Protein backbone atom coordinates (compact mmCIF):
# COMPACT_ATOMS: atom_id res chain seq x y z
CA UNK A 1 132.87 39.69 -77.52
CA UNK A 2 129.70 37.62 -77.72
CA UNK A 3 127.73 40.30 -75.86
CA UNK A 4 128.92 43.22 -77.94
CA UNK A 5 128.82 41.36 -81.25
CA UNK A 6 125.01 41.17 -81.12
CA UNK A 7 124.56 44.67 -79.77
CA UNK A 8 122.77 46.36 -82.66
CA UNK A 9 119.21 46.09 -84.01
CA UNK A 10 117.62 45.76 -80.57
CA UNK A 11 118.77 42.19 -80.01
CA UNK A 12 120.23 42.84 -76.57
CA UNK A 13 117.15 41.62 -74.70
CA UNK A 14 117.02 38.38 -76.72
CA UNK A 15 120.68 37.75 -75.96
CA UNK A 16 120.37 38.57 -72.26
CA UNK A 17 117.24 36.43 -72.02
CA UNK A 18 119.10 33.46 -73.45
CA UNK A 19 122.15 33.92 -71.21
CA UNK A 20 120.25 34.55 -67.98
CA UNK A 21 117.84 31.65 -68.46
CA UNK A 22 120.80 29.39 -69.25
CA UNK A 23 122.65 30.61 -66.14
CA UNK A 24 119.57 30.04 -63.98
CA UNK A 25 119.31 26.46 -65.24
CA UNK A 26 123.01 25.99 -64.44
CA UNK A 27 122.47 27.33 -60.92
CA UNK A 28 119.52 24.99 -60.33
CA UNK A 29 121.61 22.06 -61.56
CA UNK A 30 124.51 23.05 -59.29
CA UNK A 31 122.23 23.32 -56.27
CA UNK A 32 120.54 19.97 -56.92
CA UNK A 33 123.74 18.13 -57.84
CA UNK A 34 126.01 19.50 -55.12
CA UNK A 35 123.56 19.98 -52.27
CA UNK A 36 124.23 20.18 -49.39
CA UNK A 37 127.79 19.50 -48.31
CA UNK A 38 129.81 20.23 -51.48
CA UNK A 39 128.06 23.56 -52.02
CA UNK A 40 129.66 24.96 -48.88
CA UNK A 41 132.64 25.66 -51.12
CA UNK A 42 132.77 24.71 -54.79
CA UNK A 43 135.99 25.27 -56.74
CA UNK A 44 135.61 26.70 -60.24
CA UNK A 45 139.03 27.85 -61.42
CA UNK A 46 142.37 29.12 -60.14
CA UNK A 47 145.61 30.29 -61.78
CA UNK A 48 148.79 32.13 -60.82
CA UNK A 49 149.86 35.60 -61.99
CA UNK A 50 153.40 36.46 -60.90
CA UNK A 51 153.13 34.20 -57.83
CA UNK A 52 149.72 35.61 -56.93
CA UNK A 53 146.87 33.09 -56.98
CA UNK A 54 143.64 34.25 -58.62
CA UNK A 55 140.89 31.90 -57.51
CA UNK A 56 137.19 31.48 -58.26
CA UNK A 57 134.98 29.63 -55.79
CA UNK A 58 131.29 29.73 -54.90
CA UNK A 59 129.30 28.92 -51.78
CA UNK A 60 125.58 28.67 -51.16
CA UNK A 61 125.23 32.44 -50.66
CA UNK A 62 127.07 33.38 -53.84
CA UNK A 63 124.97 30.88 -55.83
CA UNK A 64 121.82 32.47 -54.42
CA UNK A 65 122.97 36.01 -55.26
CA UNK A 66 123.97 34.94 -58.78
CA UNK A 67 120.51 33.45 -59.22
CA UNK A 68 118.90 36.74 -58.12
CA UNK A 69 121.29 38.71 -60.35
CA UNK A 70 120.31 36.77 -63.44
CA UNK A 71 116.61 37.23 -62.76
CA UNK A 72 116.93 40.97 -62.15
CA UNK A 73 119.10 41.54 -65.22
CA UNK A 74 116.53 39.65 -67.29
CA UNK A 75 113.72 41.87 -65.93
CA UNK A 76 115.73 45.07 -66.36
CA UNK A 77 116.76 44.27 -69.93
CA UNK A 78 113.11 43.53 -70.79
CA UNK A 79 111.98 46.81 -69.23
CA UNK A 80 114.80 48.65 -70.99
CA UNK A 81 113.72 47.23 -74.36
CA UNK A 82 110.08 48.19 -73.77
CA UNK A 83 110.74 51.84 -72.89
CA UNK A 84 113.55 52.06 -75.48
CA UNK A 85 115.97 53.47 -72.90
CA UNK A 86 119.71 53.73 -73.50
CA UNK A 87 120.88 51.69 -70.52
CA UNK A 88 122.32 48.68 -72.34
CA UNK A 89 125.95 49.41 -71.48
CA UNK A 90 125.17 50.01 -67.82
CA UNK A 91 123.22 46.76 -67.50
CA UNK A 92 125.96 44.69 -69.11
CA UNK A 93 128.76 46.33 -67.10
CA UNK A 94 126.92 45.70 -63.86
CA UNK A 95 126.07 42.13 -64.87
CA UNK A 96 129.72 41.30 -65.58
CA UNK A 97 131.10 43.08 -62.51
CA UNK A 98 128.56 41.54 -60.11
CA UNK A 99 129.08 38.05 -61.54
CA UNK A 100 132.83 38.29 -61.05
CA UNK A 101 132.47 39.72 -57.54
CA UNK A 102 130.35 36.83 -56.28
CA UNK A 103 132.65 34.25 -57.88
CA UNK A 104 136.17 35.59 -57.18
CA UNK A 105 137.61 34.43 -53.86
CA UNK A 106 141.02 36.11 -53.91
CA UNK A 107 141.58 39.47 -52.26
CA UNK A 108 142.49 41.62 -55.27
CA UNK A 109 139.81 40.39 -57.68
CA UNK A 110 137.09 40.44 -55.03
CA UNK A 111 137.88 44.02 -54.00
CA UNK A 112 138.30 45.15 -57.61
CA UNK A 113 134.89 43.95 -58.78
CA UNK A 114 133.38 45.15 -55.50
CA UNK A 115 134.33 48.66 -56.61
CA UNK A 116 133.58 48.24 -60.32
CA UNK A 117 129.90 47.71 -59.48
CA UNK A 118 129.72 51.46 -58.82
CA UNK A 119 130.66 52.39 -62.40
CA UNK A 120 127.25 51.57 -64.01
CA UNK A 121 125.43 53.63 -61.38
CA UNK A 122 127.74 56.55 -62.10
CA UNK A 123 126.71 56.27 -65.75
CA UNK A 124 123.03 56.19 -64.74
CA UNK A 125 123.46 59.45 -62.83
CA UNK A 126 125.55 61.10 -65.55
CA UNK A 127 122.85 60.28 -68.10
CA UNK A 128 120.27 61.97 -65.88
CA UNK A 129 122.45 65.08 -65.55
CA UNK A 130 122.89 65.18 -69.32
CA UNK A 131 119.13 64.91 -69.91
CA UNK A 132 118.37 67.60 -67.33
CA UNK A 133 120.98 69.87 -68.89
CA UNK A 134 119.46 69.38 -72.34
CA UNK A 135 115.92 70.08 -71.12
CA UNK A 136 117.09 73.10 -69.17
CA UNK A 137 118.50 74.72 -72.29
CA UNK A 138 115.43 73.95 -74.39
CA UNK A 139 112.76 74.98 -71.86
CA UNK A 140 113.75 78.33 -70.45
CA UNK A 141 110.46 78.81 -68.62
CA UNK A 142 111.18 75.83 -66.32
CA UNK A 143 114.71 76.87 -65.50
CA UNK A 144 114.31 77.12 -61.72
CA UNK A 145 112.71 73.70 -61.31
CA UNK A 146 115.30 72.02 -63.51
CA UNK A 147 118.17 73.64 -61.64
CA UNK A 148 117.00 71.82 -58.52
CA UNK A 149 116.85 68.54 -60.46
CA UNK A 150 120.39 68.98 -61.79
CA UNK A 151 121.64 69.88 -58.35
CA UNK A 152 120.15 66.68 -56.93
CA UNK A 153 121.81 64.54 -59.59
CA UNK A 154 125.15 66.22 -59.04
CA UNK A 155 124.91 65.68 -55.30
CA UNK A 156 124.11 62.01 -55.90
CA UNK A 157 127.21 61.66 -58.10
CA UNK A 158 129.44 63.23 -55.45
CA UNK A 159 127.99 61.00 -52.72
CA UNK A 160 128.33 57.89 -54.88
CA UNK A 161 131.98 58.68 -55.62
CA UNK A 162 132.72 59.50 -52.00
CA UNK A 163 131.10 56.43 -50.50
CA UNK A 164 132.67 54.25 -53.19
CA UNK A 165 136.12 55.67 -52.47
CA UNK A 166 135.86 55.25 -48.69
CA UNK A 167 134.28 51.79 -48.89
CA UNK A 168 136.78 50.56 -51.46
CA UNK A 169 139.83 51.90 -49.61
CA UNK A 170 138.74 50.31 -46.34
CA UNK A 171 138.22 46.96 -48.05
CA UNK A 172 141.55 47.14 -49.88
CA UNK A 173 143.47 48.06 -46.72
CA UNK A 174 141.75 45.34 -44.70
CA UNK A 175 142.46 42.73 -47.36
CA UNK A 176 146.03 43.95 -47.74
CA UNK A 177 146.71 43.62 -44.00
CA UNK A 178 145.35 40.07 -44.01
CA UNK A 179 147.39 39.19 -47.11
CA UNK A 180 150.63 40.47 -45.58
CA UNK A 181 150.03 38.71 -42.28
CA UNK A 182 148.96 35.29 -43.57
CA UNK A 183 150.72 35.28 -46.98
CA UNK A 184 147.75 33.85 -48.85
CA UNK A 185 145.50 35.51 -51.41
CA UNK A 186 142.57 33.13 -50.93
CA UNK A 187 139.84 34.46 -48.63
CA UNK A 188 138.72 30.99 -47.51
CA UNK A 189 142.28 29.88 -46.70
CA UNK A 190 142.92 33.00 -44.64
CA UNK A 191 139.61 32.61 -42.79
CA UNK A 192 140.68 29.16 -41.62
CA UNK A 193 143.90 30.31 -39.97
CA UNK A 194 143.05 33.65 -38.35
CA UNK A 195 144.63 34.53 -35.02
CA UNK A 196 142.75 37.40 -33.44
CA UNK A 197 145.50 39.83 -32.53
CA UNK A 198 145.45 43.61 -32.96
CA UNK A 199 146.36 43.60 -36.68
CA UNK A 200 143.79 40.96 -37.58
CA UNK A 201 141.00 42.62 -35.59
CA UNK A 202 141.80 45.99 -37.19
CA UNK A 203 141.63 44.46 -40.67
CA UNK A 204 138.33 42.73 -39.84
CA UNK A 205 136.78 45.96 -38.60
CA UNK A 206 137.88 47.75 -41.77
CA UNK A 207 136.22 45.03 -43.84
CA UNK A 208 133.08 45.21 -41.71
CA UNK A 209 132.78 48.99 -42.04
CA UNK A 210 133.36 48.73 -45.80
CA UNK A 211 130.51 46.24 -46.11
CA UNK A 212 128.41 48.39 -43.79
CA UNK A 213 128.81 51.40 -46.07
CA UNK A 214 127.81 49.30 -49.07
CA UNK A 215 124.74 47.79 -47.40
CA UNK A 216 123.84 51.19 -45.86
CA UNK A 217 124.14 50.43 -42.16
CA UNK A 218 123.43 53.32 -39.80
CA UNK A 219 125.26 55.76 -39.69
CA UNK A 220 126.65 55.05 -43.20
CA UNK A 221 123.26 55.22 -44.93
CA UNK A 222 123.14 58.88 -46.03
CA UNK A 223 124.17 58.23 -49.63
CA UNK A 224 121.49 55.59 -50.26
CA UNK A 225 118.34 57.70 -50.44
CA UNK A 226 119.96 60.34 -52.66
CA UNK A 227 121.35 57.83 -55.20
CA UNK A 228 118.09 55.84 -55.21
CA UNK A 229 116.01 58.91 -55.95
CA UNK A 230 118.24 60.25 -58.71
CA UNK A 231 118.97 56.94 -60.46
CA UNK A 232 116.72 55.58 -63.18
CA UNK A 233 114.25 52.74 -62.59
CA UNK A 234 116.70 50.13 -63.85
CA UNK A 235 119.48 51.63 -61.75
CA UNK A 236 117.35 51.57 -58.60
CA UNK A 237 116.34 47.95 -59.18
CA UNK A 238 119.94 46.79 -59.63
CA UNK A 239 121.13 48.92 -56.71
CA UNK A 240 118.54 47.58 -54.27
CA UNK A 241 118.44 44.02 -55.62
CA UNK A 242 122.14 43.22 -55.94
CA UNK A 243 124.59 46.07 -55.27
CA UNK A 244 123.54 46.63 -51.65
CA UNK A 245 123.69 42.89 -51.04
CA UNK A 246 127.38 42.94 -51.99
CA UNK A 247 128.09 44.52 -48.62
CA UNK A 248 125.99 41.86 -46.92
CA UNK A 249 127.93 39.18 -48.82
CA UNK A 250 131.19 40.61 -47.46
CA UNK A 251 129.69 40.31 -43.97
CA UNK A 252 128.64 36.73 -44.66
CA UNK A 253 132.15 35.76 -45.76
CA UNK A 254 133.69 37.00 -42.51
CA UNK A 255 130.74 36.63 -40.13
CA UNK A 256 132.28 34.03 -37.83
CA UNK A 257 135.50 36.04 -37.78
CA UNK A 258 133.58 39.19 -36.85
CA UNK A 259 131.93 37.32 -33.97
CA UNK A 260 135.30 36.24 -32.61
CA UNK A 261 136.71 39.75 -33.03
CA UNK A 262 133.83 41.30 -31.03
CA UNK A 263 130.71 39.88 -29.39
CA UNK A 264 127.44 38.59 -30.84
CA UNK A 265 125.28 41.32 -29.31
CA UNK A 266 127.17 44.14 -31.00
CA UNK A 267 127.15 42.36 -34.37
CA UNK A 268 123.38 41.75 -34.29
CA UNK A 269 122.78 45.38 -33.29
CA UNK A 270 124.98 46.74 -36.09
CA UNK A 271 123.60 44.54 -38.86
CA UNK A 272 120.03 45.11 -37.67
CA UNK A 273 120.59 48.83 -38.23
CA UNK A 274 120.43 48.29 -42.00
CA UNK A 275 116.63 47.90 -41.73
CA UNK A 276 116.20 51.59 -40.87
CA UNK A 277 117.65 53.18 -44.05
CA UNK A 278 115.87 50.60 -46.22
CA UNK A 279 112.50 51.56 -44.70
CA UNK A 280 113.32 55.26 -45.03
CA UNK A 281 114.33 54.75 -48.67
CA UNK A 282 111.06 52.98 -49.47
CA UNK A 283 109.14 55.74 -47.72
């Protein structure tokens, strides 16, 4: 309500600047006050919904990613105000979804906001398709070139939807298997009592592949270059700066569990593969 109440008259950047600077100061205070031992796991809030515990907890990695998120949203909102682009809704949606993802530590909320981060990027791509369609029908002499541009945007939308569906379903199924086996909704509680049988290892591999798709590990990197190219500048910054790191954060949460489920050599080889698509995307 506070965000949308001050939406008009170009005051979004002023509001975002105030909120992000305040959040950065809070993060610095948390790091200095709680460092080092308490920051391994800091409880924020928890409540029950029909016997399901919704919990919010942060660790050192989530605090770092929240710090980066605030800085990038501040930069993107400033850039958006300067070029007078219509990306306010997308920036706010991503800011809220990413904040909740890095804070929520129960299975359902974590997976839900993991998927909701894709919605702003879908809007970025749909806006590009709409602009290309408008230009195509007002500049007939450039029809062939613009058809290629529209085709690229449409392909990016399809790939974003497909990778989001596959990644989200794998994460949901993996979380669901762990929830049924250990009867706890809290990720940190379940991590502390894992027994590495067939069901647990299957769930862990599903979670790992889901995070690998998000962070663009080889061979799940095909979608990245297409979406990066077709998204706007703000969309590309948020995608590279925060959204891709959501998959890495999933890996961080379960890294020790992954090591027990397989061996260290394979894990280093798989996670090292993410360097290749990032270099190709920059190129």
